[in-house]
Amino acid sequence: MENNKHRICHINPDWKQFSRVKRLFKISDIMPDFFFKKVVFLSGLAVLLLVISILVSLVIDSMPSIKAFGFRFFTVRIWDPVFEEYGALPFITGTIITSFLALLISVPFSLAVSIYLGGDFIREKSFFAGFLKNSVDLLSGIPSVVYGFFGLFLVVPVIRYLQTKFGIAPYGVGIFTASVILSIMIIPFSASLGREIIQMVPAEIKEAGYSLGSTRFEVIRYIVLPYCRSGIIAGILLALGRAIGETMAVTMVIGNSNLMPSNIFAPGNTMASVIANEFTEAVSHLHLSSLVEIGVVLFMVTTIISVTGKIIIKRFTVHT
């Protein structure tokens, strides 16, 4: 073996240099992979630490309110900064009603738009299809304050006129008005995701349905929708998350009342809108701490909805 090495060295005097270069290349192949794994791991860890730090900072700043009111903070209907009595029940109720009512209004429209754009009703490269897709994408990019002005100048007068006709107190602004604006705002999110999921359905499956004599409605009802239901649910949950956290547009049309809403047409407040309204005006430490505690509740509600959505999507994906 030693003689072979000497023979190789004699034939090729750079054999030792070649061995060193070969080992260097092996190291250079390992190093990028090592650094890539570390960078990816640190990036994921940074996101986790960021979420934890947000939660910890909110909890620390809300401790005076937690110590003063405890669980009573979530059951009391009174929000009175003058007498330092704070209860978040009206805002939690307003958030739940506006979000789910907006979801109830928007789901039929978003689902219909998704099916129309992704269900072979129009040619994908036609002018009308491109115009409609761009319009849906444009709706998702409009600032929320623009939606607020739209609600104030157009939706509120219409709602007030209808309330007058049906003998309801003509506030115009209120929970129902905020729900209508929210439904318009969240339609693009669920519609865009639903369209992309529907377009991913294999053409062979749909053609098999048509070959068996199924109508277009039957293909959509029994083939397309069951195939992509997890994606549709994901779009709905994404829209719900947007509705719960929306602030500016809701603040402009909900009426900003700290009282418990008596019906869906009454003025009210959401957790996000009361923070936007009173955060800069909070003079006492307890008032500020109570607003931060509402932020903690909003953070937790959003987290619960996201986790629940992941579980539901995973369950539907397994059974699809």
Protein backbone atom coordinates (compact mmCIF):
# COMPACT_ATOMS: atom_id res chain seq x y z
CA MET A 1 0.00 0.00 0.00
CA GLU A 2 2.83 2.32 0.87
CA ASN A 3 4.55 1.52 -2.43
CA ASN A 4 1.33 2.35 -4.30
CA LYS A 5 1.20 5.76 -2.62
CA HIS A 6 4.83 6.43 -3.54
CA ARG A 7 4.14 5.28 -7.10
CA ILE A 8 1.10 7.63 -7.31
CA CYS A 9 3.12 10.48 -5.86
CA HIS A 10 5.84 9.82 -8.37
CA ILE A 11 3.43 9.77 -11.28
CA ASN A 12 1.40 12.71 -9.96
CA PRO A 13 3.47 14.95 -7.66
CA ASP A 14 0.31 16.93 -6.70
CA TRP A 15 -1.40 13.88 -5.18
CA LYS A 16 -1.15 15.21 -1.62
CA GLN A 17 -2.41 18.60 -2.72
CA PHE A 18 -5.28 16.85 -4.52
CA SER A 19 -6.20 15.01 -1.30
CA ARG A 20 -6.25 18.26 0.65
CA VAL A 21 -8.46 19.92 -1.98
CA LYS A 22 -10.79 16.92 -1.96
CA ARG A 23 -11.18 17.13 1.82
CA LEU A 24 -11.77 20.86 1.50
CA PHE A 25 -14.58 20.26 -0.99
CA LYS A 26 -16.18 17.77 1.39
CA ILE A 27 -16.10 20.38 4.13
CA SER A 28 -17.45 23.04 1.76
CA ASP A 29 -20.37 20.73 0.91
CA ILE A 30 -21.21 20.31 4.59
CA MET A 31 -20.86 23.95 5.71
CA PRO A 32 -23.68 25.51 3.60
CA ASP A 33 -26.11 22.83 4.76
CA PHE A 34 -25.05 23.36 8.36
CA PHE A 35 -25.46 27.13 8.20
CA PHE A 36 -28.77 26.82 6.33
CA LYS A 37 -30.19 24.59 9.07
CA LYS A 38 -29.02 27.00 11.75
CA VAL A 39 -30.49 30.04 9.97
CA VAL A 40 -33.84 28.33 9.46
CA PHE A 41 -33.93 27.14 13.06
CA LEU A 42 -33.04 30.58 14.43
CA SER A 43 -35.67 32.21 12.21
CA GLY A 44 -38.37 29.90 13.54
CA LEU A 45 -37.14 30.42 17.10
CA ALA A 46 -37.22 34.20 16.59
CA VAL A 47 -40.88 34.07 15.50
CA LEU A 48 -41.76 31.95 18.54
CA LEU A 49 -39.91 34.32 20.87
CA LEU A 50 -41.64 37.29 19.26
CA VAL A 51 -45.09 35.82 19.89
CA ILE A 52 -44.19 34.94 23.48
CA SER A 53 -42.69 38.38 24.11
CA ILE A 54 -45.86 40.08 22.81
CA LEU A 55 -48.02 37.99 25.13
CA VAL A 56 -45.71 38.48 28.13
CA SER A 57 -45.50 42.26 27.65
CA LEU A 58 -49.29 42.53 27.38
CA VAL A 59 -49.84 40.41 30.48
CA ILE A 60 -47.32 42.43 32.51
CA ASP A 61 -48.94 45.74 31.54
CA SER A 62 -52.41 44.39 32.30
CA MET A 63 -51.54 43.06 35.78
CA PRO A 64 -53.05 46.05 37.69
CA SER A 65 -56.40 45.41 36.00
CA ILE A 66 -56.14 41.65 36.54
CA LYS A 67 -55.44 42.16 40.26
CA ALA A 68 -58.20 44.74 40.67
CA PHE A 69 -61.05 42.94 38.87
CA GLY A 70 -60.02 39.32 38.34
CA PHE A 71 -62.52 37.20 36.43
CA ARG A 72 -65.19 39.83 37.08
CA PHE A 73 -63.60 41.83 34.26
CA PHE A 74 -65.21 39.46 31.73
CA THR A 75 -68.70 39.40 33.30
CA VAL A 76 -69.34 43.03 34.29
CA ARG A 77 -71.30 45.19 31.83
CA ILE A 78 -70.15 48.55 33.21
CA TRP A 79 -67.30 50.51 31.62
CA ASP A 80 -66.96 53.77 33.55
CA PRO A 81 -63.56 55.52 33.58
CA VAL A 82 -64.89 58.20 35.96
CA PHE A 83 -65.57 55.75 38.80
CA GLU A 84 -62.75 53.38 37.78
CA GLU A 85 -65.12 50.48 37.08
CA TYR A 86 -64.25 48.41 34.05
CA GLY A 87 -65.95 45.40 32.49
CA ALA A 88 -65.23 44.05 29.03
CA LEU A 89 -68.43 42.05 28.46
CA PRO A 90 -70.05 44.63 26.11
CA PHE A 91 -66.95 44.69 23.90
CA ILE A 92 -66.55 40.92 23.83
CA THR A 93 -70.21 40.60 22.90
CA GLY A 94 -69.89 43.28 20.22
CA THR A 95 -66.83 41.56 18.73
CA ILE A 96 -68.53 38.17 18.59
CA ILE A 97 -71.76 39.51 17.08
CA THR A 98 -70.13 41.69 14.42
CA SER A 99 -67.57 39.07 13.38
CA PHE A 100 -69.93 36.12 13.05
CA LEU A 101 -72.71 38.20 11.50
CA ALA A 102 -70.22 39.50 8.93
CA LEU A 103 -69.10 35.94 8.30
CA LEU A 104 -72.71 34.83 7.86
CA ILE A 105 -73.30 37.59 5.30
CA SER A 106 -70.04 37.11 3.39
CA VAL A 107 -69.81 33.31 3.07
CA PRO A 108 -72.53 32.89 0.39
CA PHE A 109 -71.04 35.69 -1.73
CA SER A 110 -67.41 34.58 -1.34
CA LEU A 111 -68.31 30.96 -2.09
CA ALA A 112 -70.30 31.99 -5.17
CA VAL A 113 -67.40 34.14 -6.45
CA SER A 114 -64.94 31.29 -5.84
CA ILE A 115 -67.08 28.80 -7.75
CA TYR A 116 -67.71 31.24 -10.60
CA LEU A 117 -64.02 32.09 -11.07
CA GLY A 118 -62.66 28.61 -10.48
CA GLY A 119 -65.48 26.37 -11.67
CA ASP A 120 -65.07 26.63 -15.46
CA PHE A 121 -68.00 29.02 -15.86
CA ILE A 122 -65.85 31.48 -17.80
CA ARG A 123 -62.67 31.16 -19.82
CA GLU A 124 -59.68 31.68 -17.55
CA LYS A 125 -57.89 34.03 -19.98
CA SER A 126 -60.93 36.09 -20.95
CA PHE A 127 -61.04 39.82 -20.30
CA PHE A 128 -63.99 39.57 -17.91
CA ALA A 129 -62.30 36.82 -15.86
CA GLY A 130 -59.13 38.87 -15.50
CA PHE A 131 -61.09 42.01 -14.65
CA LEU A 132 -63.12 40.18 -11.98
CA LYS A 133 -60.03 38.56 -10.43
CA ASN A 134 -58.23 41.90 -10.30
CA SER A 135 -61.29 43.52 -8.77
CA VAL A 136 -61.41 40.90 -6.01
CA ASP A 137 -57.70 41.35 -5.33
CA LEU A 138 -58.13 45.12 -5.32
CA LEU A 139 -60.83 44.90 -2.65
CA SER A 140 -58.41 43.15 -0.31
CA GLY A 141 -55.85 45.95 -0.72
CA ILE A 142 -58.12 48.94 -0.04
CA PRO A 143 -57.27 50.63 3.31
CA SER A 144 -59.83 50.07 6.04
CA VAL A 145 -60.37 53.81 6.52
CA VAL A 146 -61.67 53.98 2.94
CA TYR A 147 -64.18 51.28 3.81
CA GLY A 148 -65.11 53.40 6.82
CA PHE A 149 -65.84 56.42 4.65
CA PHE A 150 -67.83 54.21 2.26
CA GLY A 151 -69.88 53.01 5.21
CA LEU A 152 -70.48 56.51 6.56
CA PHE A 153 -71.51 58.10 3.26
CA LEU A 154 -73.42 55.23 1.63
CA VAL A 155 -74.23 52.30 3.93
CA VAL A 156 -75.27 54.34 6.99
CA PRO A 157 -77.93 56.41 5.10
CA VAL A 158 -79.34 53.24 3.53
CA ILE A 159 -79.50 51.46 6.89
CA ARG A 160 -81.08 54.52 8.51
CA TYR A 161 -83.72 54.67 5.77
CA LEU A 162 -84.55 50.98 6.21
CA GLN A 163 -84.72 51.36 9.98
CA THR A 164 -87.20 54.21 9.57
CA LYS A 165 -89.36 52.11 7.26
CA PHE A 166 -89.45 49.15 9.68
CA GLY A 167 -90.02 51.22 12.82
CA ILE A 168 -86.54 50.70 14.29
CA ALA A 169 -84.65 53.47 16.02
CA PRO A 170 -82.88 55.17 13.08
CA TYR A 171 -79.32 55.26 14.39
CA GLY A 172 -77.82 54.34 11.05
CA VAL A 173 -74.59 53.41 12.76
CA GLY A 174 -74.50 50.26 14.83
CA ILE A 175 -73.50 46.62 14.98
CA PHE A 176 -75.39 45.62 11.84
CA THR A 177 -73.79 48.43 9.82
CA ALA A 178 -70.35 47.40 11.05
CA SER A 179 -71.13 43.79 10.11
CA VAL A 180 -72.08 44.83 6.56
CA ILE A 181 -68.82 46.73 6.14
CA LEU A 182 -66.85 43.85 7.62
CA SER A 183 -68.54 41.37 5.27
CA ILE A 184 -67.47 43.48 2.27
CA MET A 185 -63.92 43.64 3.60
CA ILE A 186 -63.51 39.90 4.22
CA ILE A 187 -65.09 38.60 1.00
CA PRO A 188 -61.82 38.95 -1.01
CA PHE A 189 -59.81 36.82 1.45
CA SER A 190 -62.05 33.77 1.42
CA ALA A 191 -62.97 34.22 -2.27
CA SER A 192 -59.34 34.39 -3.45
CA LEU A 193 -58.25 31.35 -1.46
CA GLY A 194 -61.37 29.42 -2.43
CA ARG A 195 -60.80 30.20 -6.12
CA GLU A 196 -57.23 28.94 -5.99
CA ILE A 197 -58.27 25.74 -4.22
CA ILE A 198 -61.10 25.05 -6.67
CA GLN A 199 -58.75 25.55 -9.61
CA MET A 200 -56.46 22.87 -8.14
CA VAL A 201 -59.14 20.17 -8.50
CA PRO A 202 -57.82 17.71 -11.16
CA ALA A 203 -59.60 18.06 -14.48
CA GLU A 204 -59.79 14.27 -14.81
CA ILE A 205 -62.08 14.02 -11.80
CA LYS A 206 -64.49 16.62 -13.15
CA GLU A 207 -64.41 15.10 -16.64
CA ALA A 208 -65.22 11.71 -15.12
CA GLY A 209 -68.29 13.25 -13.50
CA TYR A 210 -69.43 14.84 -16.75
CA SER A 211 -68.86 11.57 -18.62
CA LEU A 212 -71.24 9.82 -16.24
CA GLY A 213 -73.98 12.28 -17.11
CA SER A 214 -73.65 14.66 -14.16
CA THR A 215 -74.73 18.26 -14.58
CA ARG A 216 -72.42 21.14 -13.74
CA PHE A 217 -74.27 21.69 -10.46
CA GLU A 218 -73.85 18.03 -9.52
CA VAL A 219 -70.13 18.10 -10.35
CA ILE A 220 -69.64 21.16 -8.17
CA ARG A 221 -71.87 19.86 -5.37
CA TYR A 222 -70.60 16.27 -5.17
CA ILE A 223 -67.06 16.46 -6.57
CA VAL A 224 -65.51 19.94 -6.41
CA LEU A 225 -66.75 21.13 -3.01
CA PRO A 226 -65.98 17.89 -1.11
CA TYR A 227 -62.53 17.77 -2.73
CA CYS A 228 -61.55 21.29 -1.63
CA ARG A 229 -63.59 21.78 1.54
CA SER A 230 -60.49 22.12 3.73
CA GLY A 231 -59.24 25.04 1.62
CA ILE A 232 -62.65 26.70 1.70
CA ILE A 233 -62.77 26.35 5.49
CA ALA A 234 -59.27 27.82 5.68
CA GLY A 235 -60.45 30.85 3.70
CA ILE A 236 -63.46 31.29 5.98
CA LEU A 237 -61.27 31.14 9.08
CA LEU A 238 -58.84 33.61 7.54
CA ALA A 239 -61.77 35.95 6.93
CA LEU A 240 -62.97 35.48 10.52
CA GLY A 241 -59.54 36.39 11.85
CA ARG A 242 -59.56 39.55 9.74
CA ALA A 243 -63.05 40.45 10.98
CA ILE A 244 -62.17 40.01 14.66
CA GLY A 245 -59.08 42.20 14.46
CA GLU A 246 -60.46 44.93 12.20
CA THR A 247 -60.32 48.35 13.88
CA MET A 248 -60.61 51.53 11.84
CA ALA A 249 -63.60 50.78 9.61
CA VAL A 250 -65.56 49.30 12.52
CA THR A 251 -64.75 52.26 14.75
CA MET A 252 -66.18 54.67 12.18
CA VAL A 253 -69.57 52.95 11.77
CA ILE A 254 -70.34 50.95 14.93
CA GLY A 255 -71.53 53.89 17.03
CA ASN A 256 -68.88 53.62 19.81
CA SER A 257 -71.26 52.94 22.68
CA ASN A 258 -69.88 51.31 25.82
CA LEU A 259 -73.29 49.89 26.74
CA MET A 260 -74.33 46.30 26.26
CA PRO A 261 -75.99 46.10 22.81
CA SER A 262 -79.72 45.37 23.08
CA ASN A 263 -80.06 44.23 19.45
CA ILE A 264 -77.99 44.00 16.26
CA PHE A 265 -79.10 47.49 15.15
CA ALA A 266 -78.01 49.24 18.35
CA PRO A 267 -74.69 51.11 18.64
CA GLY A 268 -71.89 49.20 20.30
CA ASN A 269 -68.16 48.65 20.45
CA THR A 270 -65.71 45.89 19.73
CA MET A 271 -62.54 45.09 21.61
CA ALA A 272 -60.43 46.63 18.86
CA SER A 273 -62.59 49.76 18.51
CA VAL A 274 -62.65 50.59 22.23
CA ILE A 275 -58.84 50.34 22.36
CA ALA A 276 -58.57 52.66 19.35
CA ASN A 277 -61.02 55.14 20.88
CA GLU A 278 -59.74 55.35 24.44
CA PHE A 279 -56.07 54.40 24.43
CA THR A 280 -54.80 57.94 23.86
CA GLU A 281 -57.33 59.36 26.36
CA ALA A 282 -56.57 56.96 29.21
CA VAL A 283 -55.30 59.15 32.05
CA SER A 284 -55.31 56.67 34.94
CA HIS A 285 -53.03 53.70 35.17
CA LEU A 286 -55.97 51.35 35.83
CA HIS A 287 -57.81 52.59 32.74
CA LEU A 288 -54.75 51.97 30.57
CA SER A 289 -54.20 48.58 32.16
CA SER A 290 -57.82 47.60 31.47
CA LEU A 291 -57.42 48.48 27.80
CA VAL A 292 -54.27 46.37 27.64
CA GLU A 293 -56.16 43.47 29.23
CA ILE A 294 -58.74 43.76 26.46
CA GLY A 295 -55.79 43.47 24.08
CA VAL A 296 -54.76 40.27 25.86
CA VAL A 297 -58.29 38.89 25.42
CA LEU A 298 -58.22 39.82 21.73
CA PHE A 299 -54.85 38.12 21.35
CA MET A 300 -56.10 34.95 23.06
CA VAL A 301 -59.33 34.82 21.05
CA THR A 302 -57.37 35.14 17.80
CA THR A 303 -54.98 32.40 18.91
CA ILE A 304 -57.83 30.04 19.86
CA ILE A 305 -59.53 30.58 16.50
CA SER A 306 -56.27 29.93 14.64
CA VAL A 307 -55.54 26.73 16.57
CA THR A 308 -59.12 25.53 16.18
CA GLY A 309 -58.94 26.25 12.47
CA LYS A 310 -55.74 24.22 12.12
CA ILE A 311 -57.39 21.27 13.87
CA ILE A 312 -60.50 21.46 11.70
CA ILE A 313 -58.49 21.78 8.48
CA LYS A 314 -56.28 18.84 9.46
CA ARG A 315 -59.33 16.70 10.25
CA PHE A 316 -61.04 17.50 6.96
CA THR A 317 -57.82 16.98 5.04
CA VAL A 318 -57.40 13.49 6.46
CA HIS A 319 -60.97 12.48 5.60
CA THR A 320 -61.01 14.05 2.12
